[in-house]
Amino acid sequence: MKQHFIICLVFFSPLFVFSQNVEVLGGIKADSLNVQLGLIKNVADPISAQDAATKAYVDASNSSPTYTIGLSAEQGGYIFWVSADGKHGLVAETENQSTFASWHEAQDFISDPDNHSADGDEFRDWRMPTKYELNEMYLQKVAIGDFFNSFYWSSTGADAENAWGQFFGNGAQNFFKHNNGFFVRAVRAF
């Protein structure tokens, strides 16, 4: 019986400790610990210089880069939209993936690394833009570069036989039969 009690005490006592409020000498207090996620909530600011240096190092190493609209070799093309915090956005390829492709062929052209710029061929998550993303690209076509005054496909279907495209001469959007041959320009998200 003693053996079973000791085994239970050894295995279950850590659970008891981690479910209680913990206060460490030096003023750091954790109101709750989540052992499985490794989260510590409500930790006071560090007091010692070493603790402050460690916190600064950890905070700096956990930060992700922020981006702005513009050419980005690191992201494989031209960033044409970013979130308010600059950590997420949409990138347009800087060259066309095809000059004449049906809607069904478009993704095949996008998937082939040989159809991408030197920076763009580093990524495998390219896709066709939605009709809304395609319009954003149209609005920034001069900055993104290399667009023709022609039709470009979007990924947005209109029905079983048609999908949306956009004319880059004047920005007009309409839906067209899938078998039409249009230009294709890829996008990716980060």
N, C-alpha and C. Protein backbone atom coordinates (compact mmCIF):
# COMPACT_ATOMS: atom_id res chain seq x y z
N MET A 1 0.82 -1.19 0.00
CA MET A 1 0.00 0.00 0.00
C MET A 1 0.87 1.25 0.00
N LYS A 2 1.96 1.25 0.78
CA LYS A 2 2.85 2.40 0.83
C LYS A 2 3.46 2.66 -0.54
N GLN A 3 3.79 1.58 -1.23
CA GLN A 3 4.39 1.72 -2.54
C GLN A 3 3.45 2.44 -3.51
N HIS A 4 2.18 2.09 -3.51
CA HIS A 4 1.20 2.72 -4.39
C HIS A 4 0.99 4.18 -4.02
N PHE A 5 0.99 4.48 -2.73
CA PHE A 5 0.81 5.85 -2.28
C PHE A 5 1.99 6.72 -2.72
N ILE A 6 3.20 6.21 -2.62
CA ILE A 6 4.39 6.97 -3.02
C ILE A 6 4.39 7.20 -4.52
N ILE A 7 4.02 6.20 -5.29
CA ILE A 7 3.96 6.35 -6.74
C ILE A 7 2.93 7.41 -7.12
N CYS A 8 1.76 7.37 -6.49
CA CYS A 8 0.73 8.38 -6.76
C CYS A 8 1.20 9.76 -6.35
N LEU A 9 1.88 9.86 -5.23
CA LEU A 9 2.38 11.14 -4.76
C LEU A 9 3.41 11.72 -5.73
N VAL A 10 4.31 10.88 -6.24
CA VAL A 10 5.35 11.31 -7.16
C VAL A 10 4.75 11.77 -8.49
N PHE A 11 3.77 11.04 -9.02
CA PHE A 11 3.21 11.38 -10.32
C PHE A 11 2.20 12.52 -10.28
N PHE A 12 1.44 12.65 -9.22
CA PHE A 12 0.37 13.64 -9.19
C PHE A 12 0.73 14.94 -8.48
N SER A 13 1.80 14.96 -7.69
CA SER A 13 2.15 16.19 -6.99
C SER A 13 2.59 17.31 -7.95
N PRO A 14 3.29 17.03 -9.08
CA PRO A 14 3.61 18.12 -10.00
C PRO A 14 2.36 18.79 -10.57
N LEU A 15 1.31 18.03 -10.79
CA LEU A 15 0.07 18.61 -11.30
C LEU A 15 -0.51 19.57 -10.28
N PHE A 16 -0.41 19.22 -9.02
CA PHE A 16 -0.93 20.08 -7.96
C PHE A 16 -0.13 21.38 -7.89
N VAL A 17 1.19 21.28 -7.98
CA VAL A 17 2.04 22.46 -7.89
C VAL A 17 1.75 23.41 -9.05
N PHE A 18 1.62 22.88 -10.27
CA PHE A 18 1.42 23.74 -11.43
C PHE A 18 0.00 24.28 -11.55
N SER A 19 -0.90 23.84 -10.72
CA SER A 19 -2.24 24.40 -10.77
C SER A 19 -2.45 25.49 -9.72
N GLN A 20 -1.42 25.78 -8.94
CA GLN A 20 -1.53 26.78 -7.88
C GLN A 20 -0.83 28.07 -8.28
N ASN A 21 -1.14 29.17 -7.58
CA ASN A 21 -0.39 30.41 -7.78
C ASN A 21 1.03 30.19 -7.31
N VAL A 22 1.97 30.72 -8.04
CA VAL A 22 3.38 30.53 -7.71
C VAL A 22 4.02 31.90 -7.57
N GLU A 23 4.79 32.08 -6.50
CA GLU A 23 5.53 33.32 -6.33
C GLU A 23 6.99 32.95 -6.10
N VAL A 24 7.85 33.56 -6.91
CA VAL A 24 9.27 33.27 -6.83
C VAL A 24 9.94 34.45 -6.16
N LEU A 25 10.96 34.16 -5.36
CA LEU A 25 11.69 35.24 -4.70
C LEU A 25 12.23 36.21 -5.73
N GLY A 26 12.20 37.47 -5.44
CA GLY A 26 12.68 38.48 -6.37
C GLY A 26 11.53 39.21 -7.04
N GLY A 27 10.31 38.84 -6.74
CA GLY A 27 9.18 39.61 -7.21
C GLY A 27 8.47 39.08 -8.44
N ILE A 28 8.93 38.01 -9.06
CA ILE A 28 8.23 37.48 -10.22
C ILE A 28 7.10 36.60 -9.72
N LYS A 29 5.89 36.91 -10.15
CA LYS A 29 4.73 36.16 -9.69
C LYS A 29 3.94 35.70 -10.91
N ALA A 30 3.59 34.44 -10.91
CA ALA A 30 2.75 33.89 -11.97
C ALA A 30 1.42 33.50 -11.36
N ASP A 31 0.35 34.10 -11.84
CA ASP A 31 -0.97 33.76 -11.33
C ASP A 31 -1.44 32.41 -11.84
N SER A 32 -1.03 32.06 -13.03
CA SER A 32 -1.42 30.74 -13.53
C SER A 32 -0.37 30.26 -14.52
N LEU A 33 -0.17 28.97 -14.52
CA LEU A 33 0.77 28.35 -15.45
C LEU A 33 0.00 27.35 -16.29
N ASN A 34 0.26 27.32 -17.54
CA ASN A 34 -0.32 26.33 -18.41
C ASN A 34 0.83 25.44 -18.86
N VAL A 35 0.94 24.28 -18.26
CA VAL A 35 2.08 23.41 -18.49
C VAL A 35 2.09 22.90 -19.92
N GLN A 36 0.94 22.54 -20.46
CA GLN A 36 0.91 21.93 -21.78
C GLN A 36 1.25 22.92 -22.88
N LEU A 37 0.86 24.16 -22.77
CA LEU A 37 1.18 25.15 -23.79
C LEU A 37 2.43 25.94 -23.46
N GLY A 38 2.94 25.80 -22.26
CA GLY A 38 4.14 26.52 -21.87
C GLY A 38 3.90 28.00 -21.67
N LEU A 39 2.69 28.40 -21.33
CA LEU A 39 2.36 29.81 -21.18
C LEU A 39 2.39 30.21 -19.71
N ILE A 40 2.96 31.34 -19.42
CA ILE A 40 2.95 31.90 -18.07
C ILE A 40 2.24 33.24 -18.19
N LYS A 41 1.20 33.43 -17.40
CA LYS A 41 0.41 34.66 -17.48
C LYS A 41 0.73 35.58 -16.31
N ASN A 42 0.57 36.87 -16.52
CA ASN A 42 0.70 37.90 -15.49
C ASN A 42 2.06 37.89 -14.79
N VAL A 43 3.11 37.83 -15.56
CA VAL A 43 4.45 37.86 -14.99
C VAL A 43 4.88 39.32 -14.85
N ALA A 44 5.42 39.65 -13.70
CA ALA A 44 5.88 41.02 -13.45
C ALA A 44 7.13 41.31 -14.27
N ASP A 45 7.44 42.59 -14.46
CA ASP A 45 8.65 42.97 -15.17
C ASP A 45 9.88 42.47 -14.42
N PRO A 46 10.94 42.12 -15.16
CA PRO A 46 12.15 41.62 -14.49
C PRO A 46 12.80 42.71 -13.64
N ILE A 47 13.41 42.26 -12.53
CA ILE A 47 14.05 43.19 -11.61
C ILE A 47 15.56 43.23 -11.84
N SER A 48 16.18 42.06 -11.96
CA SER A 48 17.63 42.04 -12.12
C SER A 48 18.02 42.36 -13.56
N ALA A 49 19.25 42.83 -13.74
CA ALA A 49 19.75 43.18 -15.07
C ALA A 49 19.80 41.95 -15.97
N GLN A 50 20.20 40.81 -15.41
CA GLN A 50 20.28 39.59 -16.21
C GLN A 50 18.90 39.16 -16.69
N ASP A 51 17.90 39.24 -15.82
CA ASP A 51 16.53 38.89 -16.22
C ASP A 51 16.02 39.83 -17.30
N ALA A 52 16.33 41.11 -17.18
CA ALA A 52 15.91 42.09 -18.18
C ALA A 52 16.58 41.81 -19.52
N ALA A 53 17.87 41.47 -19.49
CA ALA A 53 18.59 41.15 -20.72
C ALA A 53 18.02 39.90 -21.38
N THR A 54 17.71 38.89 -20.57
CA THR A 54 17.12 37.66 -21.09
C THR A 54 15.76 37.94 -21.72
N LYS A 55 14.94 38.74 -21.04
CA LYS A 55 13.62 39.08 -21.57
C LYS A 55 13.75 39.83 -22.90
N ALA A 56 14.66 40.78 -22.98
CA ALA A 56 14.86 41.55 -24.21
C ALA A 56 15.30 40.64 -25.35
N TYR A 57 16.19 39.69 -25.05
CA TYR A 57 16.67 38.74 -26.06
C TYR A 57 15.52 37.88 -26.57
N VAL A 58 14.73 37.33 -25.65
CA VAL A 58 13.61 36.47 -26.03
C VAL A 58 12.58 37.26 -26.83
N ASP A 59 12.26 38.46 -26.38
CA ASP A 59 11.29 39.29 -27.10
C ASP A 59 11.78 39.59 -28.52
N ALA A 60 13.05 39.89 -28.67
CA ALA A 60 13.61 40.23 -29.98
C ALA A 60 13.63 39.01 -30.90
N SER A 61 13.94 37.85 -30.36
CA SER A 61 14.02 36.65 -31.19
C SER A 61 12.65 36.13 -31.57
N ASN A 62 11.61 36.50 -30.84
CA ASN A 62 10.26 36.05 -31.15
C ASN A 62 9.51 37.00 -32.07
N SER A 63 10.09 38.14 -32.39
CA SER A 63 9.37 39.09 -33.24
C SER A 63 9.49 38.67 -34.70
N SER A 64 8.41 38.83 -35.44
CA SER A 64 8.45 38.52 -36.86
C SER A 64 8.61 39.83 -37.63
N PRO A 65 9.20 39.75 -38.83
CA PRO A 65 9.43 40.98 -39.59
C PRO A 65 8.12 41.62 -40.03
N THR A 66 8.18 42.90 -40.29
CA THR A 66 7.02 43.60 -40.84
C THR A 66 7.37 44.05 -42.26
N TYR A 67 6.35 44.17 -43.08
CA TYR A 67 6.54 44.49 -44.49
C TYR A 67 5.69 45.69 -44.88
N THR A 68 6.09 46.32 -45.97
CA THR A 68 5.33 47.43 -46.55
C THR A 68 5.11 47.12 -48.03
N ILE A 69 4.24 47.88 -48.66
CA ILE A 69 3.98 47.70 -50.08
C ILE A 69 5.24 48.06 -50.86
N GLY A 70 5.60 47.18 -51.79
CA GLY A 70 6.78 47.41 -52.61
C GLY A 70 7.42 46.10 -53.02
N LEU A 71 8.47 46.19 -53.82
CA LEU A 71 9.19 45.02 -54.31
C LEU A 71 9.90 44.33 -53.15
N SER A 72 9.76 43.00 -53.07
CA SER A 72 10.38 42.23 -52.00
C SER A 72 10.90 40.91 -52.55
N ALA A 73 12.21 40.84 -52.77
CA ALA A 73 12.81 39.59 -53.23
C ALA A 73 12.59 38.49 -52.20
N GLU A 74 12.63 38.87 -50.93
CA GLU A 74 12.44 37.91 -49.84
C GLU A 74 11.07 37.23 -49.91
N GLN A 75 10.05 37.93 -50.40
CA GLN A 75 8.71 37.36 -50.52
C GLN A 75 8.40 36.90 -51.94
N GLY A 76 9.33 37.07 -52.86
CA GLY A 76 9.18 36.51 -54.20
C GLY A 76 8.51 37.39 -55.23
N GLY A 77 8.27 38.66 -54.93
CA GLY A 77 7.61 39.52 -55.91
C GLY A 77 7.30 40.88 -55.34
N TYR A 78 6.18 41.44 -55.78
CA TYR A 78 5.76 42.77 -55.36
C TYR A 78 4.64 42.65 -54.33
N ILE A 79 4.88 43.16 -53.13
CA ILE A 79 3.85 43.16 -52.09
C ILE A 79 2.86 44.27 -52.43
N PHE A 80 1.61 43.88 -52.72
CA PHE A 80 0.63 44.88 -53.11
C PHE A 80 -0.45 45.11 -52.06
N TRP A 81 -0.44 44.35 -50.99
CA TRP A 81 -1.37 44.56 -49.88
C TRP A 81 -0.71 44.04 -48.61
N VAL A 82 -0.82 44.80 -47.49
CA VAL A 82 -0.33 44.34 -46.19
C VAL A 82 -1.38 44.62 -45.12
N SER A 83 -1.38 43.78 -44.09
CA SER A 83 -2.27 43.98 -42.95
C SER A 83 -1.81 45.19 -42.15
N ALA A 84 -2.65 45.65 -41.25
CA ALA A 84 -2.34 46.84 -40.45
C ALA A 84 -1.05 46.68 -39.66
N ASP A 85 -0.77 45.45 -39.17
CA ASP A 85 0.46 45.24 -38.39
C ASP A 85 1.67 44.94 -39.28
N GLY A 86 1.48 44.83 -40.59
CA GLY A 86 2.59 44.61 -41.52
C GLY A 86 3.14 43.20 -41.52
N LYS A 87 2.49 42.27 -40.84
CA LYS A 87 3.02 40.91 -40.73
C LYS A 87 2.41 39.95 -41.75
N HIS A 88 1.33 40.34 -42.39
CA HIS A 88 0.66 39.49 -43.37
C HIS A 88 0.36 40.32 -44.61
N GLY A 89 0.34 39.66 -45.74
CA GLY A 89 0.06 40.40 -46.96
C GLY A 89 -0.07 39.52 -48.18
N LEU A 90 -0.18 40.17 -49.33
CA LEU A 90 -0.30 39.49 -50.61
C LEU A 90 0.83 39.96 -51.53
N VAL A 91 1.40 39.02 -52.26
CA VAL A 91 2.51 39.27 -53.16
C VAL A 91 2.08 38.89 -54.58
N ALA A 92 2.35 39.75 -55.53
CA ALA A 92 2.12 39.45 -56.95
C ALA A 92 3.46 39.09 -57.59
N GLU A 93 3.44 38.09 -58.45
CA GLU A 93 4.63 37.78 -59.23
C GLU A 93 4.95 39.00 -60.10
N THR A 94 6.21 39.18 -60.43
CA THR A 94 6.61 40.34 -61.23
C THR A 94 6.59 40.05 -62.73
N GLU A 95 6.24 38.83 -63.10
CA GLU A 95 6.10 38.50 -64.51
C GLU A 95 4.89 37.59 -64.69
N ASN A 96 4.38 37.53 -65.93
CA ASN A 96 3.23 36.68 -66.24
C ASN A 96 3.66 35.22 -66.25
N GLN A 97 2.75 34.35 -65.81
CA GLN A 97 3.04 32.92 -65.84
C GLN A 97 2.61 32.30 -67.17
N SER A 98 1.73 32.98 -67.89
CA SER A 98 1.31 32.53 -69.21
C SER A 98 0.69 33.70 -69.95
N THR A 99 0.83 33.68 -71.28
CA THR A 99 0.20 34.72 -72.09
C THR A 99 -1.09 34.23 -72.72
N PHE A 100 -1.32 32.94 -72.72
CA PHE A 100 -2.53 32.41 -73.33
C PHE A 100 -2.85 31.07 -72.67
N ALA A 101 -3.76 31.09 -71.71
CA ALA A 101 -4.12 29.86 -71.00
C ALA A 101 -5.61 29.86 -70.72
N SER A 102 -6.21 28.68 -70.83
CA SER A 102 -7.60 28.56 -70.39
C SER A 102 -7.63 28.64 -68.87
N TRP A 103 -8.80 28.83 -68.33
CA TRP A 103 -8.94 28.94 -66.88
C TRP A 103 -8.45 27.66 -66.19
N HIS A 104 -8.73 26.50 -66.80
CA HIS A 104 -8.31 25.23 -66.21
C HIS A 104 -6.80 25.02 -66.30
N GLU A 105 -6.17 25.55 -67.32
CA GLU A 105 -4.72 25.43 -67.48
C GLU A 105 -3.94 26.40 -66.61
N ALA A 106 -4.59 27.45 -66.18
CA ALA A 106 -3.89 28.54 -65.48
C ALA A 106 -3.11 28.06 -64.27
N GLN A 107 -3.71 27.22 -63.42
CA GLN A 107 -3.01 26.76 -62.22
C GLN A 107 -1.80 25.89 -62.56
N ASP A 108 -1.88 25.14 -63.66
CA ASP A 108 -0.72 24.35 -64.09
C ASP A 108 0.46 25.27 -64.44
N PHE A 109 0.18 26.35 -65.14
CA PHE A 109 1.24 27.31 -65.47
C PHE A 109 1.81 27.95 -64.20
N ILE A 110 0.93 28.25 -63.26
CA ILE A 110 1.37 28.87 -62.00
C ILE A 110 2.22 27.90 -61.18
N SER A 111 1.89 26.62 -61.22
CA SER A 111 2.59 25.61 -60.41
C SER A 111 3.99 25.30 -60.92
N ASP A 112 4.29 25.63 -62.15
CA ASP A 112 5.59 25.32 -62.75
C ASP A 112 6.61 26.40 -62.39
N PRO A 113 7.66 26.05 -61.61
CA PRO A 113 8.68 27.04 -61.21
C PRO A 113 9.36 27.72 -62.40
N ASP A 114 9.41 27.04 -63.55
CA ASP A 114 10.05 27.62 -64.74
C ASP A 114 9.28 28.84 -65.26
N ASN A 115 8.03 28.98 -64.86
CA ASN A 115 7.21 30.11 -65.31
C ASN A 115 7.26 31.29 -64.35
N HIS A 116 8.23 31.30 -63.45
CA HIS A 116 8.32 32.36 -62.44
C HIS A 116 9.64 33.12 -62.56
N SER A 117 9.65 34.29 -61.96
CA SER A 117 10.88 35.09 -61.89
C SER A 117 11.90 34.38 -61.01
N ALA A 118 13.12 34.87 -61.02
CA ALA A 118 14.18 34.27 -60.19
C ALA A 118 13.81 34.28 -58.71
N ASP A 119 13.19 35.35 -58.24
CA ASP A 119 12.77 35.41 -56.83
C ASP A 119 11.53 34.56 -56.60
N GLY A 120 10.62 34.56 -57.54
CA GLY A 120 9.36 33.84 -57.38
C GLY A 120 9.48 32.34 -57.43
N ASP A 121 10.50 31.82 -58.13
CA ASP A 121 10.58 30.36 -58.24
C ASP A 121 11.06 29.69 -56.95
N GLU A 122 11.35 30.49 -55.94
CA GLU A 122 11.72 29.94 -54.63
C GLU A 122 10.49 29.48 -53.84
N PHE A 123 9.30 29.84 -54.29
CA PHE A 123 8.07 29.54 -53.55
C PHE A 123 7.20 28.56 -54.32
N ARG A 124 6.44 27.75 -53.58
CA ARG A 124 5.55 26.76 -54.19
C ARG A 124 4.09 27.00 -53.83
N ASP A 125 3.78 28.14 -53.22
CA ASP A 125 2.41 28.40 -52.78
C ASP A 125 1.70 29.44 -53.65
N TRP A 126 2.15 29.61 -54.88
CA TRP A 126 1.51 30.55 -55.79
C TRP A 126 0.14 30.02 -56.20
N ARG A 127 -0.77 30.94 -56.48
CA ARG A 127 -2.13 30.59 -56.90
C ARG A 127 -2.68 31.71 -57.77
N MET A 128 -3.86 31.46 -58.37
CA MET A 128 -4.53 32.53 -59.12
C MET A 128 -5.15 33.50 -58.12
N PRO A 129 -5.16 34.79 -58.44
CA PRO A 129 -5.79 35.75 -57.54
C PRO A 129 -7.31 35.67 -57.62
N THR A 130 -7.98 36.03 -56.54
CA THR A 130 -9.43 36.18 -56.59
C THR A 130 -9.75 37.41 -57.44
N LYS A 131 -11.01 37.60 -57.78
CA LYS A 131 -11.35 38.78 -58.60
C LYS A 131 -11.06 40.07 -57.84
N TYR A 132 -11.18 40.05 -56.52
CA TYR A 132 -10.89 41.24 -55.70
C TYR A 132 -9.39 41.51 -55.65
N GLU A 133 -8.60 40.45 -55.49
CA GLU A 133 -7.14 40.60 -55.50
C GLU A 133 -6.65 41.05 -56.87
N LEU A 134 -7.25 40.50 -57.92
CA LEU A 134 -6.87 40.90 -59.28
C LEU A 134 -7.14 42.38 -59.50
N ASN A 135 -8.24 42.88 -58.97
CA ASN A 135 -8.53 44.31 -59.10
C ASN A 135 -7.50 45.15 -58.33
N GLU A 136 -7.08 44.69 -57.15
CA GLU A 136 -6.02 45.40 -56.41
C GLU A 136 -4.74 45.43 -57.23
N MET A 137 -4.45 44.33 -57.91
CA MET A 137 -3.26 44.29 -58.77
C MET A 137 -3.41 45.27 -59.93
N TYR A 138 -4.62 45.34 -60.49
CA TYR A 138 -4.86 46.29 -61.58
C TYR A 138 -4.61 47.72 -61.10
N LEU A 139 -5.10 48.05 -59.91
CA LEU A 139 -4.92 49.40 -59.38
C LEU A 139 -3.45 49.75 -59.17
N GLN A 140 -2.60 48.73 -59.02
CA GLN A 140 -1.17 48.96 -58.81
C GLN A 140 -0.33 48.38 -59.95
N LYS A 141 -0.93 48.24 -61.12
CA LYS A 141 -0.26 47.57 -62.24
C LYS A 141 1.04 48.25 -62.67
N VAL A 142 1.11 49.55 -62.57
CA VAL A 142 2.34 50.25 -62.97
C VAL A 142 3.47 49.91 -62.00
N ALA A 143 3.18 49.93 -60.71
CA ALA A 143 4.20 49.62 -59.70
C ALA A 143 4.63 48.16 -59.76
N ILE A 144 3.66 47.25 -59.92
CA ILE A 144 3.98 45.82 -60.00
C ILE A 144 4.77 45.55 -61.27
N GLY A 145 4.32 46.11 -62.39
CA GLY A 145 5.05 46.02 -63.65
C GLY A 145 4.72 44.83 -64.51
N ASP A 146 5.04 44.98 -65.80
CA ASP A 146 4.97 43.93 -66.81
C ASP A 146 3.57 43.41 -67.13
N PHE A 147 2.54 44.19 -66.90
CA PHE A 147 1.20 43.79 -67.30
C PHE A 147 0.95 44.27 -68.73
N PHE A 148 0.17 43.51 -69.47
CA PHE A 148 -0.25 43.91 -70.81
C PHE A 148 -1.68 44.41 -70.74
N ASN A 149 -2.06 45.25 -71.69
CA ASN A 149 -3.45 45.71 -71.78
C ASN A 149 -4.28 44.58 -72.40
N SER A 150 -4.49 43.56 -71.59
CA SER A 150 -5.19 42.37 -72.04
C SER A 150 -5.99 41.80 -70.87
N PHE A 151 -6.65 40.67 -71.10
CA PHE A 151 -7.44 40.03 -70.05
C PHE A 151 -6.57 39.12 -69.20
N TYR A 152 -6.86 39.11 -67.90
CA TYR A 152 -6.20 38.23 -66.93
C TYR A 152 -7.27 37.44 -66.19
N TRP A 153 -6.96 36.18 -65.91
CA TRP A 153 -7.88 35.31 -65.18
C TRP A 153 -7.83 35.57 -63.68
N SER A 154 -8.97 35.39 -63.03
CA SER A 154 -9.03 35.31 -61.57
C SER A 154 -9.46 33.89 -61.22
N SER A 155 -9.32 33.52 -59.97
CA SER A 155 -9.75 32.19 -59.52
C SER A 155 -11.25 32.14 -59.23
N THR A 156 -11.90 33.28 -59.24
CA THR A 156 -13.31 33.36 -58.86
C THR A 156 -14.20 32.85 -59.99
N GLY A 157 -14.91 31.77 -59.71
CA GLY A 157 -15.85 31.24 -60.67
C GLY A 157 -17.16 32.01 -60.65
N ALA A 158 -17.79 32.11 -61.81
CA ALA A 158 -19.11 32.75 -61.90
C ALA A 158 -20.20 31.69 -61.86
N ASP A 159 -19.95 30.57 -62.52
CA ASP A 159 -20.84 29.41 -62.51
C ASP A 159 -20.02 28.22 -63.01
N ALA A 160 -20.66 27.13 -63.38
CA ALA A 160 -19.94 25.91 -63.76
C ALA A 160 -19.10 26.08 -65.03
N GLU A 161 -19.43 27.03 -65.89
CA GLU A 161 -18.74 27.18 -67.16
C GLU A 161 -17.97 28.48 -67.32
N ASN A 162 -18.10 29.39 -66.35
CA ASN A 162 -17.51 30.72 -66.48
C ASN A 162 -16.73 31.11 -65.23
N ALA A 163 -15.76 31.99 -65.44
CA ALA A 163 -14.98 32.55 -64.33
C ALA A 163 -14.74 34.03 -64.61
N TRP A 164 -14.41 34.75 -63.56
CA TRP A 164 -14.18 36.18 -63.68
C TRP A 164 -12.78 36.47 -64.21
N GLY A 165 -12.71 37.46 -65.07
CA GLY A 165 -11.45 37.96 -65.58
C GLY A 165 -11.48 39.48 -65.55
N GLN A 166 -10.33 40.09 -65.79
CA GLN A 166 -10.25 41.55 -65.78
C GLN A 166 -9.40 42.02 -66.94
N PHE A 167 -9.89 43.07 -67.61
CA PHE A 167 -9.14 43.69 -68.70
C PHE A 167 -8.23 44.76 -68.11
N PHE A 168 -6.93 44.60 -68.32
CA PHE A 168 -5.96 45.51 -67.71
C PHE A 168 -5.74 46.77 -68.54
N GLY A 169 -6.53 46.96 -69.59
CA GLY A 169 -6.50 48.21 -70.33
C GLY A 169 -7.34 49.28 -69.65
N ASN A 170 -8.51 48.86 -69.11
CA ASN A 170 -9.40 49.83 -68.47
C ASN A 170 -9.94 49.38 -67.11
N GLY A 171 -9.60 48.17 -66.67
CA GLY A 171 -10.03 47.69 -65.36
C GLY A 171 -11.37 46.99 -65.34
N ALA A 172 -12.03 46.86 -66.48
CA ALA A 172 -13.35 46.23 -66.52
C ALA A 172 -13.27 44.75 -66.15
N GLN A 173 -14.17 44.32 -65.28
CA GLN A 173 -14.26 42.91 -64.91
C GLN A 173 -15.55 42.32 -65.49
N ASN A 174 -15.46 41.06 -65.90
CA ASN A 174 -16.63 40.35 -66.40
C ASN A 174 -16.33 38.86 -66.28
N PHE A 175 -17.35 38.04 -66.52
CA PHE A 175 -17.10 36.60 -66.51
C PHE A 175 -17.05 36.09 -67.94
N PHE A 176 -16.22 35.04 -68.11
CA PHE A 176 -15.94 34.51 -69.44
C PHE A 176 -15.93 32.99 -69.37
N LYS A 177 -16.13 32.36 -70.53
CA LYS A 177 -16.05 30.90 -70.62
C LYS A 177 -14.65 30.43 -70.21
N HIS A 178 -14.60 29.30 -69.52
CA HIS A 178 -13.33 28.75 -69.04
C HIS A 178 -12.32 28.48 -70.16
N ASN A 179 -12.81 28.21 -71.37
CA ASN A 179 -11.88 27.84 -72.45
C ASN A 179 -11.26 29.04 -73.16
N ASN A 180 -11.59 30.27 -72.77
CA ASN A 180 -10.92 31.45 -73.33
C ASN A 180 -9.45 31.45 -72.93
N GLY A 181 -8.62 31.99 -73.79
CA GLY A 181 -7.19 32.09 -73.49
C GLY A 181 -6.84 33.49 -72.99
N PHE A 182 -6.47 33.58 -71.71
CA PHE A 182 -6.12 34.86 -71.10
C PHE A 182 -4.74 34.78 -70.46
N PHE A 183 -4.22 35.95 -70.10
CA PHE A 183 -2.97 36.02 -69.35
C PHE A 183 -3.21 35.49 -67.93
N VAL A 184 -2.11 35.06 -67.31
CA VAL A 184 -2.16 34.54 -65.95
C VAL A 184 -1.05 35.20 -65.14
N ARG A 185 -1.41 35.74 -63.98
CA ARG A 185 -0.42 36.33 -63.05
C ARG A 185 -0.71 35.78 -61.66
N ALA A 186 0.30 35.20 -61.03
CA ALA A 186 0.14 34.51 -59.75
C ALA A 186 0.25 35.45 -58.56
N VAL A 187 -0.36 35.03 -57.46
CA VAL A 187 -0.24 35.71 -56.17
C VAL A 187 0.06 34.66 -55.10
N ARG A 188 0.57 35.13 -53.98
CA ARG A 188 0.77 34.28 -52.80
C ARG A 188 0.55 35.13 -51.57
N ALA A 189 0.21 34.47 -50.49
CA ALA A 189 -0.01 35.16 -49.22
C ALA A 189 1.13 34.85 -48.26
N PHE A 190 1.40 35.78 -47.35
CA PHE A 190 2.38 35.53 -46.29
C PHE A 190 1.80 36.00 -44.98
